[in-house]
Amino acid sequence: MKKRATYKDAGVNIDNANSFIERIKPLIKTTARKEVVSGIGGFGGLFRFDSAKLKNPILVSSTDGVGTKLKVAQLVDKHDTIGIDLVAMSVNDVVVQGAEPLFFLDYLATGRIEMEKSVNIINGIVQGCKQAGCTLIGGETAEMPGFYREGEYDLAGFCVGFVEADKLIDGSSVRVHDHIIGLASSGLHSNGFSLARKVLLDKGKLHVTDRIAGLDETVGLELLKPTRIYVKPLLNLFKSFHIKGLVHVTGGGFYDNIPRVIPDVCRCVITRNSWDIPPIFNIIQEIGNVEEKEMFRVFNMGIGMIIVVEEKECREVMERLEVLGEKPYLLGVVEKRNKNQELVSFSDN
């Protein structure tokens, strides 16, 4: 009698996948908001709006991954914070439009579910959702043997938030003389890793376990520092101040992200040395002989979030941010832009 083919023989273990879901259900439950209607395991997540409190809401959505930072996580074999990065990339994009993140969904794809590793990944996502105040309402774990090599996986995330129409932040009110505040990043966050890995691991011949002068951690742990989530301090600011523009400094760095919220008639003039650039960026620049403009276009250079406010509110905003545990810097000002001037430029004073 011929042997019967099974899904398990093909590399997909449904029983193991079900056990994984049972393991993570208690973790996911800790992120639940009161508006959540459904539990984990349904065909879709259910979320009820409190219509009595909403006047003219706009839904804001974002989806993202963490790029080749996953390669570093796999090299270090540390997977408990990469989920924070995943959440951060989407919720920070949602909050910069004045929106409160409501719920998050994740997609984890791998060749084979490795129970402890996968639970660690989801636990990171749970921690990120808690930091952002949103619920992990659902997700998908895809076991795809033959598609991913042993130990490899990929992540994607999706977030939905809302903002009242009259509270939407889009940069349209930015004017000349407005001030630019930067919030410190924790390091590279989740952008520029293809260049960072090429410079440090290939050209520099460094290993993730190496220690180099200027870094408190090994190379691997320095690169894996989780992306900062700025949602709660920014939501706090929205209650008291008129925030004109917000920039999540991700792929494209200063040069490609700041113009998203600056009118064409204006330009941002950033003062050099107005903030502390973490050593990791200087190390990458030196080893790779990377031009300064390239550094500021690829990396966040120590600034993960940029806030544009009126000059008269700047000091109070910075004081509030310090109370909230953030490290704000006065980066520069908005000036009138003449023909052929760049939207973003740097000044020495």
C-alpha atoms as a PDB file:
ATOM      1  CA  MET A   1       0.000   0.000   0.000  1.00  0.00           C
ATOM      2  CA  LYS A   2       1.360   3.394  -0.971  1.00  0.00           C
ATOM      3  CA  LYS A   3       2.232   5.773   1.861  1.00  0.00           C
ATOM      4  CA  ARG A   4      -0.316   8.552   2.182  1.00  0.00           C
ATOM      5  CA  ALA A   5       1.042  12.053   1.857  1.00  0.00           C
ATOM      6  CA  THR A   6       0.316  14.455   4.705  1.00  0.00           C
ATOM      7  CA  TYR A   7       0.751  18.156   5.299  1.00  0.00           C
ATOM      8  CA  LYS A   8       3.139  17.299   8.139  1.00  0.00           C
ATOM      9  CA  ASP A   9       5.342  15.313   5.757  1.00  0.00           C
ATOM     10  CA  ALA A  10       5.445  18.403   3.537  1.00  0.00           C
ATOM     11  CA  GLY A  11       6.823  20.418   6.438  1.00  0.00           C
ATOM     12  CA  VAL A  12       3.717  22.067   7.909  1.00  0.00           C
ATOM     13  CA  ASN A  13       2.704  20.946  11.391  1.00  0.00           C
ATOM     14  CA  ILE A  14      -0.860  22.118  12.059  1.00  0.00           C
ATOM     15  CA  ASP A  15      -0.850  20.753  15.606  1.00  0.00           C
ATOM     16  CA  ASN A  16       2.324  22.707  16.394  1.00  0.00           C
ATOM     17  CA  ALA A  17       0.759  25.845  14.919  1.00  0.00           C
ATOM     18  CA  ASN A  18      -2.326  25.394  17.086  1.00  0.00           C
ATOM     19  CA  SER A  19      -0.126  24.919  20.165  1.00  0.00           C
ATOM     20  CA  PHE A  20       1.658  28.149  19.249  1.00  0.00           C
ATOM     21  CA  ILE A  21      -1.646  30.038  19.121  1.00  0.00           C
ATOM     22  CA  GLU A  22      -2.586  28.699  22.549  1.00  0.00           C
ATOM     23  CA  ARG A  23       0.796  29.819  23.927  1.00  0.00           C
ATOM     24  CA  ILE A  24       0.438  33.383  22.723  1.00  0.00           C
ATOM     25  CA  LYS A  25      -3.250  33.947  23.530  1.00  0.00           C
ATOM     26  CA  PRO A  26      -2.552  35.031  27.155  1.00  0.00           C
ATOM     27  CA  LEU A  27       0.143  37.440  25.929  1.00  0.00           C
ATOM     28  CA  ILE A  28      -2.128  39.003  23.341  1.00  0.00           C
ATOM     29  CA  LYS A  29      -4.963  39.371  25.844  1.00  0.00           C
ATOM     30  CA  THR A  30      -2.821  41.762  27.912  1.00  0.00           C
ATOM     31  CA  THR A  31      -3.007  44.351  25.098  1.00  0.00           C
ATOM     32  CA  ALA A  32      -6.807  44.420  24.854  1.00  0.00           C
ATOM     33  CA  ARG A  33      -8.593  47.759  24.865  1.00  0.00           C
ATOM     34  CA  LYS A  34     -12.193  48.086  25.995  1.00  0.00           C
ATOM     35  CA  GLU A  35     -13.340  48.549  22.385  1.00  0.00           C
ATOM     36  CA  VAL A  36     -12.211  45.057  21.366  1.00  0.00           C
ATOM     37  CA  VAL A  37     -15.158  42.745  20.692  1.00  0.00           C
ATOM     38  CA  SER A  38     -13.475  39.586  19.431  1.00  0.00           C
ATOM     39  CA  GLY A  39     -10.965  37.166  20.869  1.00  0.00           C
ATOM     40  CA  ILE A  40      -7.976  35.626  19.117  1.00  0.00           C
ATOM     41  CA  GLY A  41      -8.793  32.851  16.684  1.00  0.00           C
ATOM     42  CA  GLY A  42     -11.651  34.305  14.648  1.00  0.00           C
ATOM     43  CA  PHE A  43     -11.526  35.024  10.941  1.00  0.00           C
ATOM     44  CA  GLY A  44     -11.187  38.721  11.647  1.00  0.00           C
ATOM     45  CA  GLY A  45     -10.625  41.077  14.562  1.00  0.00           C
ATOM     46  CA  LEU A  46     -13.623  43.070  15.783  1.00  0.00           C
ATOM     47  CA  PHE A  47     -13.302  46.591  17.176  1.00  0.00           C
ATOM     48  CA  ARG A  48     -16.214  48.812  18.205  1.00  0.00           C
ATOM     49  CA  PHE A  49     -15.969  52.600  17.914  1.00  0.00           C
ATOM     50  CA  ASP A  50     -17.510  54.664  20.682  1.00  0.00           C
ATOM     51  CA  SER A  51     -19.630  56.746  18.320  1.00  0.00           C
ATOM     52  CA  ALA A  52     -20.903  58.964  21.142  1.00  0.00           C
ATOM     53  CA  LYS A  53     -17.412  60.391  21.610  1.00  0.00           C
ATOM     54  CA  LEU A  54     -16.589  60.834  17.926  1.00  0.00           C
ATOM     55  CA  LYS A  55     -17.638  63.778  15.780  1.00  0.00           C
ATOM     56  CA  ASN A  56     -15.843  63.514  12.456  1.00  0.00           C
ATOM     57  CA  PRO A  57     -13.206  60.779  12.746  1.00  0.00           C
ATOM     58  CA  ILE A  58     -10.645  59.930  10.097  1.00  0.00           C
ATOM     59  CA  LEU A  59      -9.077  56.483  10.071  1.00  0.00           C
ATOM     60  CA  VAL A  60      -5.308  56.468   9.680  1.00  0.00           C
ATOM     61  CA  SER A  61      -3.537  53.264   8.671  1.00  0.00           C
ATOM     62  CA  SER A  62       0.054  52.195   8.171  1.00  0.00           C
ATOM     63  CA  THR A  63       1.888  49.008   7.306  1.00  0.00           C
ATOM     64  CA  ASP A  64       5.607  48.266   7.515  1.00  0.00           C
ATOM     65  CA  GLY A  65       8.290  45.736   8.360  1.00  0.00           C
ATOM     66  CA  VAL A  66      11.707  45.941   9.990  1.00  0.00           C
ATOM     67  CA  GLY A  67      13.867  45.295   6.933  1.00  0.00           C
ATOM     68  CA  THR A  68      17.218  43.592   7.216  1.00  0.00           C
ATOM     69  CA  LYS A  69      17.416  44.228  10.949  1.00  0.00           C
ATOM     70  CA  LEU A  70      15.965  40.719  10.952  1.00  0.00           C
ATOM     71  CA  LYS A  71      19.321  39.485   9.661  1.00  0.00           C
ATOM     72  CA  VAL A  72      21.036  40.888  12.744  1.00  0.00           C
ATOM     73  CA  ALA A  73      18.453  39.304  15.042  1.00  0.00           C
ATOM     74  CA  GLN A  74      19.147  35.964  13.393  1.00  0.00           C
ATOM     75  CA  LEU A  75      22.923  36.389  13.649  1.00  0.00           C
ATOM     76  CA  VAL A  76      22.688  37.264  17.354  1.00  0.00           C
ATOM     77  CA  ASP A  77      19.889  34.727  17.893  1.00  0.00           C
ATOM     78  CA  LYS A  78      17.940  37.295  19.891  1.00  0.00           C
ATOM     79  CA  HIS A  79      14.297  37.683  18.970  1.00  0.00           C
ATOM     80  CA  ASP A  80      12.533  39.259  21.960  1.00  0.00           C
ATOM     81  CA  THR A  81      12.734  42.889  20.836  1.00  0.00           C
ATOM     82  CA  ILE A  82      12.320  42.714  17.061  1.00  0.00           C
ATOM     83  CA  GLY A  83       8.551  42.767  17.598  1.00  0.00           C
ATOM     84  CA  ILE A  84       8.856  46.143  19.325  1.00  0.00           C
ATOM     85  CA  ASP A  85      10.531  47.426  16.163  1.00  0.00           C
ATOM     86  CA  LEU A  86       7.689  46.057  14.069  1.00  0.00           C
ATOM     87  CA  VAL A  87       5.026  47.868  16.096  1.00  0.00           C
ATOM     88  CA  ALA A  88       7.084  51.060  16.307  1.00  0.00           C
ATOM     89  CA  MET A  89       7.442  51.433  12.560  1.00  0.00           C
ATOM     90  CA  SER A  90       3.674  51.553  12.045  1.00  0.00           C
ATOM     91  CA  VAL A  91       2.402  53.273  15.201  1.00  0.00           C
ATOM     92  CA  ASN A  92       4.949  56.088  14.886  1.00  0.00           C
ATOM     93  CA  ASP A  93       3.741  56.657  11.323  1.00  0.00           C
ATOM     94  CA  VAL A  94       0.140  56.806  12.539  1.00  0.00           C
ATOM     95  CA  VAL A  95       0.707  59.162  15.462  1.00  0.00           C
ATOM     96  CA  VAL A  96       2.581  61.768  13.376  1.00  0.00           C
ATOM     97  CA  GLN A  97      -0.746  62.573  11.730  1.00  0.00           C
ATOM     98  CA  GLY A  98      -2.282  63.338  15.094  1.00  0.00           C
ATOM     99  CA  ALA A  99      -3.933  59.940  15.339  1.00  0.00           C
ATOM    100  CA  GLU A 100      -4.213  57.567  18.276  1.00  0.00           C
ATOM    101  CA  PRO A 101      -3.261  53.985  17.306  1.00  0.00           C
ATOM    102  CA  LEU A 102      -6.169  51.665  18.075  1.00  0.00           C
ATOM    103  CA  PHE A 103      -5.233  48.200  16.947  1.00  0.00           C
ATOM    104  CA  PHE A 104      -2.382  46.286  15.341  1.00  0.00           C
ATOM    105  CA  LEU A 105      -2.102  43.107  13.292  1.00  0.00           C
ATOM    106  CA  ASP A 106       1.051  41.123  12.598  1.00  0.00           C
ATOM    107  CA  TYR A 107       2.212  38.702   9.932  1.00  0.00           C
ATOM    108  CA  LEU A 108       4.940  36.197  10.807  1.00  0.00           C
ATOM    109  CA  ALA A 109       6.214  33.963   8.008  1.00  0.00           C
ATOM    110  CA  THR A 110       8.776  31.221   8.539  1.00  0.00           C
ATOM    111  CA  GLY A 111       9.883  27.894   7.146  1.00  0.00           C
ATOM    112  CA  ARG A 112       9.028  26.110  10.369  1.00  0.00           C
ATOM    113  CA  ILE A 113       7.481  27.337  13.610  1.00  0.00           C
ATOM    114  CA  GLU A 114      10.149  27.169  16.298  1.00  0.00           C
ATOM    115  CA  MET A 115       8.025  27.494  19.401  1.00  0.00           C
ATOM    116  CA  GLU A 116      10.244  29.483  21.775  1.00  0.00           C
ATOM    117  CA  LYS A 117      11.618  31.766  19.075  1.00  0.00           C
ATOM    118  CA  SER A 118       8.150  32.488  17.718  1.00  0.00           C
ATOM    119  CA  VAL A 119       6.739  33.146  21.192  1.00  0.00           C
ATOM    120  CA  ASN A 120       9.608  35.589  21.838  1.00  0.00           C
ATOM    121  CA  ILE A 121       8.800  37.414  18.615  1.00  0.00           C
ATOM    122  CA  ILE A 122       5.120  37.743  19.533  1.00  0.00           C
ATOM    123  CA  ASN A 123       6.030  38.807  23.060  1.00  0.00           C
ATOM    124  CA  GLY A 124       8.016  41.692  21.549  1.00  0.00           C
ATOM    125  CA  ILE A 125       4.990  42.685  19.487  1.00  0.00           C
ATOM    126  CA  VAL A 126       2.877  42.591  22.651  1.00  0.00           C
ATOM    127  CA  GLN A 127       5.359  44.842  24.462  1.00  0.00           C
ATOM    128  CA  GLY A 128       5.318  47.274  21.547  1.00  0.00           C
ATOM    129  CA  CYS A 129       1.527  47.393  21.552  1.00  0.00           C
ATOM    130  CA  LYS A 130       1.532  48.118  25.279  1.00  0.00           C
ATOM    131  CA  GLN A 131       3.997  50.973  24.764  1.00  0.00           C
ATOM    132  CA  ALA A 132       1.719  52.385  22.060  1.00  0.00           C
ATOM    133  CA  GLY A 133      -1.521  51.780  23.946  1.00  0.00           C
ATOM    134  CA  CYS A 134      -3.049  49.775  21.097  1.00  0.00           C
ATOM    135  CA  THR A 135      -4.389  46.244  21.038  1.00  0.00           C
ATOM    136  CA  LEU A 136      -2.958  43.304  19.133  1.00  0.00           C
ATOM    137  CA  ILE A 137      -6.263  42.349  17.582  1.00  0.00           C
ATOM    138  CA  GLY A 138      -5.140  39.592  15.257  1.00  0.00           C
ATOM    139  CA  GLY A 139      -2.504  38.307  12.911  1.00  0.00           C
ATOM    140  CA  GLU A 140      -1.236  35.466  10.771  1.00  0.00           C
ATOM    141  CA  THR A 141       1.529  32.936  11.245  1.00  0.00           C
ATOM    142  CA  ALA A 142       2.483  31.337   7.934  1.00  0.00           C
ATOM    143  CA  GLU A 143       4.572  28.165   7.960  1.00  0.00           C
ATOM    144  CA  MET A 144       6.183  27.983   4.506  1.00  0.00           C
ATOM    145  CA  PRO A 145       8.725  25.160   4.191  1.00  0.00           C
ATOM    146  CA  GLY A 146      10.957  25.444   1.148  1.00  0.00           C
ATOM    147  CA  PHE A 147      10.431  29.195   0.965  1.00  0.00           C
ATOM    148  CA  TYR A 148      12.517  30.270   3.971  1.00  0.00           C
ATOM    149  CA  ARG A 149      15.824  28.715   4.967  1.00  0.00           C
ATOM    150  CA  GLU A 150      16.269  27.087   8.359  1.00  0.00           C
ATOM    151  CA  GLY A 151      15.961  29.687  11.128  1.00  0.00           C
ATOM    152  CA  GLU A 152      14.788  32.486   8.829  1.00  0.00           C
ATOM    153  CA  TYR A 153      11.548  34.414   9.177  1.00  0.00           C
ATOM    154  CA  ASP A 154       9.951  37.630   8.022  1.00  0.00           C
ATOM    155  CA  LEU A 155       7.649  40.083   9.749  1.00  0.00           C
ATOM    156  CA  ALA A 156       5.098  42.646   8.646  1.00  0.00           C
ATOM    157  CA  GLY A 157       2.742  44.779  10.680  1.00  0.00           C
ATOM    158  CA  PHE A 158      -0.404  46.800  10.122  1.00  0.00           C
ATOM    159  CA  CYS A 159      -1.857  49.498  12.354  1.00  0.00           C
ATOM    160  CA  VAL A 160      -5.118  51.474  12.348  1.00  0.00           C
ATOM    161  CA  GLY A 161      -5.731  54.639  14.340  1.00  0.00           C
ATOM    162  CA  PHE A 162      -8.111  57.565  14.250  1.00  0.00           C
ATOM    163  CA  VAL A 163      -8.014  61.329  14.520  1.00  0.00           C
ATOM    164  CA  GLU A 164     -10.795  63.891  14.558  1.00  0.00           C
ATOM    165  CA  ALA A 165     -10.750  65.746  11.239  1.00  0.00           C
ATOM    166  CA  ASP A 166     -10.065  69.122  12.853  1.00  0.00           C
ATOM    167  CA  LYS A 167      -7.100  67.649  14.759  1.00  0.00           C
ATOM    168  CA  LEU A 168      -5.330  66.164  11.751  1.00  0.00           C
ATOM    169  CA  ILE A 169      -1.629  67.076  11.604  1.00  0.00           C
ATOM    170  CA  ASP A 170      -0.368  67.399   8.032  1.00  0.00           C
ATOM    171  CA  GLY A 171       2.119  70.290   8.119  1.00  0.00           C
ATOM    172  CA  SER A 172      -0.175  72.672   6.236  1.00  0.00           C
ATOM    173  CA  SER A 173      -0.008  75.220   9.068  1.00  0.00           C
ATOM    174  CA  VAL A 174       3.806  75.300   9.232  1.00  0.00           C
ATOM    175  CA  ARG A 175       5.091  78.838   8.792  1.00  0.00           C
ATOM    176  CA  VAL A 176       8.331  80.813   8.785  1.00  0.00           C
ATOM    177  CA  HIS A 177       9.857  81.220  12.291  1.00  0.00           C
ATOM    178  CA  ASP A 178       8.342  78.002  13.598  1.00  0.00           C
ATOM    179  CA  HIS A 179      10.777  75.991  15.699  1.00  0.00           C
ATOM    180  CA  ILE A 180      11.967  72.437  15.107  1.00  0.00           C
ATOM    181  CA  ILE A 181      12.350  70.053  18.045  1.00  0.00           C
ATOM    182  CA  GLY A 182      13.966  66.644  17.815  1.00  0.00           C
ATOM    183  CA  LEU A 183      13.422  63.662  20.106  1.00  0.00           C
ATOM    184  CA  ALA A 184      16.340  61.343  20.743  1.00  0.00           C
ATOM    185  CA  SER A 185      16.359  57.939  19.073  1.00  0.00           C
ATOM    186  CA  SER A 186      17.670  54.798  20.735  1.00  0.00           C
ATOM    187  CA  GLY A 187      20.065  54.127  17.875  1.00  0.00           C
ATOM    188  CA  LEU A 188      19.521  53.012  14.289  1.00  0.00           C
ATOM    189  CA  HIS A 189      15.903  52.065  14.972  1.00  0.00           C
ATOM    190  CA  SER A 190      14.892  49.985  11.911  1.00  0.00           C
ATOM    191  CA  ASN A 191      16.372  51.791   8.932  1.00  0.00           C
ATOM    192  CA  GLY A 192      19.674  51.743   7.089  1.00  0.00           C
ATOM    193  CA  PHE A 193      20.593  48.206   8.086  1.00  0.00           C
ATOM    194  CA  SER A 194      21.684  47.135   4.618  1.00  0.00           C
ATOM    195  CA  LEU A 195      24.351  49.846   4.692  1.00  0.00           C
ATOM    196  CA  ALA A 196      25.163  49.309   8.373  1.00  0.00           C
ATOM    197  CA  ARG A 197      25.669  45.566   7.882  1.00  0.00           C
ATOM    198  CA  LYS A 198      27.769  46.104   4.751  1.00  0.00           C
ATOM    199  CA  VAL A 199      30.012  48.621   6.519  1.00  0.00           C
ATOM    200  CA  LEU A 200      30.363  46.948   9.917  1.00  0.00           C
ATOM    201  CA  LEU A 201      30.164  43.243   9.138  1.00  0.00           C
ATOM    202  CA  ASP A 202      31.529  43.078   5.583  1.00  0.00           C
ATOM    203  CA  LYS A 203      33.942  45.985   5.141  1.00  0.00           C
ATOM    204  CA  GLY A 204      34.827  46.311   8.839  1.00  0.00           C
ATOM    205  CA  LYS A 205      35.104  42.523   9.324  1.00  0.00           C
ATOM    206  CA  LEU A 206      33.341  42.856  12.667  1.00  0.00           C
ATOM    207  CA  HIS A 207      31.323  40.084  14.277  1.00  0.00           C
ATOM    208  CA  VAL A 208      28.086  40.669  16.159  1.00  0.00           C
ATOM    209  CA  THR A 209      29.827  39.548  19.366  1.00  0.00           C
ATOM    210  CA  ASP A 210      32.701  42.057  18.996  1.00  0.00           C
ATOM    211  CA  ARG A 211      33.095  45.050  21.280  1.00  0.00           C
ATOM    212  CA  ILE A 212      34.500  48.295  19.928  1.00  0.00           C
ATOM    213  CA  ALA A 213      35.478  51.566  21.585  1.00  0.00           C
ATOM    214  CA  GLY A 214      32.592  53.972  22.104  1.00  0.00           C
ATOM    215  CA  LEU A 215      29.845  51.355  22.384  1.00  0.00           C
ATOM    216  CA  ASP A 216      28.445  50.053  25.662  1.00  0.00           C
ATOM    217  CA  GLU A 217      27.164  46.890  23.983  1.00  0.00           C
ATOM    218  CA  THR A 218      28.470  44.351  21.517  1.00  0.00           C
ATOM    219  CA  VAL A 219      28.018  45.287  17.872  1.00  0.00           C
ATOM    220  CA  GLY A 220      25.023  42.978  17.589  1.00  0.00           C
ATOM    221  CA  LEU A 221      23.237  44.229  20.685  1.00  0.00           C
ATOM    222  CA  GLU A 222      23.896  47.849  19.699  1.00  0.00           C
ATOM    223  CA  LEU A 223      22.253  47.260  16.341  1.00  0.00           C
ATOM    224  CA  LEU A 224      19.323  45.454  17.958  1.00  0.00           C
ATOM    225  CA  LYS A 225      18.349  48.265  20.322  1.00  0.00           C
ATOM    226  CA  PRO A 226      14.573  48.491  19.810  1.00  0.00           C
ATOM    227  CA  THR A 227      12.993  51.416  18.016  1.00  0.00           C
ATOM    228  CA  ARG A 228      11.552  54.038  20.334  1.00  0.00           C
ATOM    229  CA  ILE A 229       7.786  54.349  20.346  1.00  0.00           C
ATOM    230  CA  TYR A 230       6.760  58.001  20.705  1.00  0.00           C
ATOM    231  CA  VAL A 231       2.989  57.547  20.812  1.00  0.00           C
ATOM    232  CA  LYS A 232       2.168  58.276  24.456  1.00  0.00           C
ATOM    233  CA  PRO A 233       4.274  61.455  24.860  1.00  0.00           C
ATOM    234  CA  LEU A 234       2.939  62.829  21.584  1.00  0.00           C
ATOM    235  CA  LEU A 235      -0.678  62.090  22.500  1.00  0.00           C
ATOM    236  CA  ASN A 236       0.002  63.981  25.711  1.00  0.00           C
ATOM    237  CA  LEU A 237       1.279  66.999  23.750  1.00  0.00           C
ATOM    238  CA  PHE A 238      -1.813  67.018  21.537  1.00  0.00           C
ATOM    239  CA  LYS A 239      -3.969  67.787  24.577  1.00  0.00           C
ATOM    240  CA  SER A 240      -2.208  71.070  25.408  1.00  0.00           C
ATOM    241  CA  PHE A 241      -0.314  72.370  22.392  1.00  0.00           C
ATOM    242  CA  HIS A 242      -0.782  73.188  18.731  1.00  0.00           C
ATOM    243  CA  ILE A 243       1.565  70.766  17.010  1.00  0.00           C
ATOM    244  CA  LYS A 244       2.019  71.929  13.431  1.00  0.00           C
ATOM    245  CA  GLY A 245       4.052  69.125  11.981  1.00  0.00           C
ATOM    246  CA  LEU A 246       5.496  65.763  12.971  1.00  0.00           C
ATOM    247  CA  VAL A 247       8.139  63.697  11.219  1.00  0.00           C
ATOM    248  CA  HIS A 248       8.933  60.069  11.933  1.00  0.00           C
ATOM    249  CA  VAL A 249      12.582  59.898  10.859  1.00  0.00           C
ATOM    250  CA  THR A 250      12.682  56.556   9.054  1.00  0.00           C
ATOM    251  CA  GLY A 251      14.016  55.479   5.656  1.00  0.00           C
ATOM    252  CA  GLY A 252      15.170  58.605   3.852  1.00  0.00           C
ATOM    253  CA  GLY A 253      16.476  60.210   7.038  1.00  0.00           C
ATOM    254  CA  PHE A 254      16.296  63.992   7.336  1.00  0.00           C
ATOM    255  CA  TYR A 255      16.364  64.809   3.639  1.00  0.00           C
ATOM    256  CA  ASP A 256      13.419  62.711   2.479  1.00  0.00           C
ATOM    257  CA  ASN A 257      11.157  62.750   5.545  1.00  0.00           C
ATOM    258  CA  ILE A 258      11.133  66.396   6.663  1.00  0.00           C
ATOM    259  CA  PRO A 259       9.818  67.674   3.290  1.00  0.00           C
ATOM    260  CA  ARG A 260       6.669  65.600   3.826  1.00  0.00           C
ATOM    261  CA  VAL A 261       5.360  68.201   6.286  1.00  0.00           C
ATOM    262  CA  ILE A 262       7.020  71.411   5.090  1.00  0.00           C
ATOM    263  CA  PRO A 263       5.251  73.678   2.549  1.00  0.00           C
ATOM    264  CA  ASP A 264       7.281  74.371  -0.586  1.00  0.00           C
ATOM    265  CA  VAL A 265       7.596  78.059   0.333  1.00  0.00           C
ATOM    266  CA  CYS A 266       9.474  77.114   3.506  1.00  0.00           C
ATOM    267  CA  ARG A 267      12.677  75.306   4.365  1.00  0.00           C
ATOM    268  CA  CYS A 268      14.040  73.733   7.531  1.00  0.00           C
ATOM    269  CA  VAL A 269      17.422  74.936   8.692  1.00  0.00           C
ATOM    270  CA  ILE A 270      18.994  72.444  11.088  1.00  0.00           C
ATOM    271  CA  THR A 271      21.801  73.563  13.382  1.00  0.00           C
ATOM    272  CA  ARG A 272      24.752  71.196  13.440  1.00  0.00           C
ATOM    273  CA  ASN A 273      25.897  70.030  16.877  1.00  0.00           C
ATOM    274  CA  SER A 274      22.526  70.933  18.425  1.00  0.00           C
ATOM    275  CA  TRP A 275      22.073  67.333  19.568  1.00  0.00           C
ATOM    276  CA  ASP A 276      24.167  64.377  20.593  1.00  0.00           C
ATOM    277  CA  ILE A 277      24.802  61.968  17.724  1.00  0.00           C
ATOM    278  CA  PRO A 278      25.172  58.438  19.166  1.00  0.00           C
ATOM    279  CA  PRO A 279      28.610  56.873  18.597  1.00  0.00           C
ATOM    280  CA  ILE A 280      27.276  54.072  16.367  1.00  0.00           C
ATOM    281  CA  PHE A 281      26.629  56.563  13.566  1.00  0.00           C
ATOM    282  CA  ASN A 282      30.130  58.022  13.762  1.00  0.00           C
ATOM    283  CA  ILE A 283      31.571  54.504  13.703  1.00  0.00           C
ATOM    284  CA  ILE A 284      29.600  53.599  10.577  1.00  0.00           C
ATOM    285  CA  GLN A 285      30.608  56.832   8.876  1.00  0.00           C
ATOM    286  CA  GLU A 286      34.293  56.352   9.696  1.00  0.00           C
ATOM    287  CA  ILE A 287      34.590  52.670   8.781  1.00  0.00           C
ATOM    288  CA  GLY A 288      32.540  53.061   5.618  1.00  0.00           C
ATOM    289  CA  ASN A 289      33.931  56.464   4.621  1.00  0.00           C
ATOM    290  CA  VAL A 290      30.324  57.541   4.156  1.00  0.00           C
ATOM    291  CA  GLU A 291      29.613  61.139   3.129  1.00  0.00           C
ATOM    292  CA  GLU A 292      27.732  63.277   5.642  1.00  0.00           C
ATOM    293  CA  LYS A 293      24.771  63.864   3.336  1.00  0.00           C
ATOM    294  CA  GLU A 294      24.457  60.125   2.734  1.00  0.00           C
ATOM    295  CA  MET A 295      24.434  59.522   6.494  1.00  0.00           C
ATOM    296  CA  PHE A 296      21.609  62.011   6.972  1.00  0.00           C
ATOM    297  CA  ARG A 297      19.640  60.506   4.112  1.00  0.00           C
ATOM    298  CA  VAL A 298      19.972  56.889   5.250  1.00  0.00           C
ATOM    299  CA  PHE A 299      19.958  57.066   9.067  1.00  0.00           C
ATOM    300  CA  ASN A 300      18.096  58.991  11.774  1.00  0.00           C
ATOM    301  CA  MET A 301      21.439  60.177  13.209  1.00  0.00           C
ATOM    302  CA  GLY A 302      20.108  60.098  16.756  1.00  0.00           C
ATOM    303  CA  ILE A 303      16.780  61.848  16.122  1.00  0.00           C
ATOM    304  CA  GLY A 304      13.781  59.549  15.814  1.00  0.00           C
ATOM    305  CA  MET A 305      10.975  62.105  15.825  1.00  0.00           C
ATOM    306  CA  ILE A 306      10.794  65.766  14.761  1.00  0.00           C
ATOM    307  CA  ILE A 307       8.162  68.210  16.032  1.00  0.00           C
ATOM    308  CA  VAL A 308       7.345  71.588  14.493  1.00  0.00           C
ATOM    309  CA  VAL A 309       5.749  74.151  16.812  1.00  0.00           C
ATOM    310  CA  GLU A 310       5.230  77.872  17.060  1.00  0.00           C
ATOM    311  CA  GLU A 311       8.163  79.755  18.539  1.00  0.00           C
ATOM    312  CA  LYS A 312       6.101  80.920  21.529  1.00  0.00           C
ATOM    313  CA  GLU A 313       5.238  77.346  22.535  1.00  0.00           C
ATOM    314  CA  CYS A 314       8.645  75.805  21.978  1.00  0.00           C
ATOM    315  CA  ARG A 315      10.013  76.107  25.501  1.00  0.00           C
ATOM    316  CA  GLU A 316       6.866  74.755  27.149  1.00  0.00           C
ATOM    317  CA  VAL A 317       6.713  71.846  24.711  1.00  0.00           C
ATOM    318  CA  MET A 318      10.311  70.910  25.475  1.00  0.00           C
ATOM    319  CA  GLU A 319       9.711  71.147  29.206  1.00  0.00           C
ATOM    320  CA  ARG A 320       6.655  68.902  28.916  1.00  0.00           C
ATOM    321  CA  LEU A 321       8.649  66.354  26.902  1.00  0.00           C
ATOM    322  CA  GLU A 322      11.354  66.251  29.552  1.00  0.00           C
ATOM    323  CA  VAL A 323       8.735  65.604  32.233  1.00  0.00           C
ATOM    324  CA  LEU A 324       7.421  62.763  30.069  1.00  0.00           C
ATOM    325  CA  GLY A 325      10.857  61.153  30.000  1.00  0.00           C
ATOM    326  CA  GLU A 326      11.905  62.214  26.517  1.00  0.00           C
ATOM    327  CA  LYS A 327      15.167  63.890  25.526  1.00  0.00           C
ATOM    328  CA  PRO A 328      14.236  66.879  23.337  1.00  0.00           C
ATOM    329  CA  TYR A 329      16.642  69.067  21.369  1.00  0.00           C
ATOM    330  CA  LEU A 330      16.042  72.396  19.662  1.00  0.00           C
ATOM    331  CA  LEU A 331      17.249  71.479  16.181  1.00  0.00           C
ATOM    332  CA  GLY A 332      16.551  74.606  14.192  1.00  0.00           C
ATOM    333  CA  VAL A 333      13.951  76.866  12.639  1.00  0.00           C
ATOM    334  CA  VAL A 334      11.694  77.173   9.619  1.00  0.00           C
ATOM    335  CA  GLU A 335      12.787  79.891   7.194  1.00  0.00           C
ATOM    336  CA  LYS A 336      11.505  81.320   3.941  1.00  0.00           C
ATOM    337  CA  ARG A 337      12.684  79.295   0.972  1.00  0.00           C
ATOM    338  CA  ASN A 338      14.062  81.059  -2.058  1.00  0.00           C
ATOM    339  CA  LYS A 339      14.090  79.545  -5.526  1.00  0.00           C
ATOM    340  CA  ASN A 340      16.487  76.602  -5.918  1.00  0.00           C
ATOM    341  CA  GLN A 341      17.109  76.296  -2.168  1.00  0.00           C
ATOM    342  CA  GLU A 342      16.758  72.826  -0.675  1.00  0.00           C
ATOM    343  CA  LEU A 343      13.872  72.118   1.691  1.00  0.00           C
ATOM    344  CA  VAL A 344      16.362  70.871   4.289  1.00  0.00           C
ATOM    345  CA  SER A 345      19.725  72.453   4.959  1.00  0.00           C
ATOM    346  CA  PHE A 346      22.295  72.551   7.741  1.00  0.00           C
ATOM    347  CA  SER A 347      23.835  75.545   9.470  1.00  0.00           C
ATOM    348  CA  ASP A 348      26.818  75.838  11.797  1.00  0.00           C
ATOM    349  CA  ASN A 349      25.119  78.366  14.079  1.00  0.00           C
END
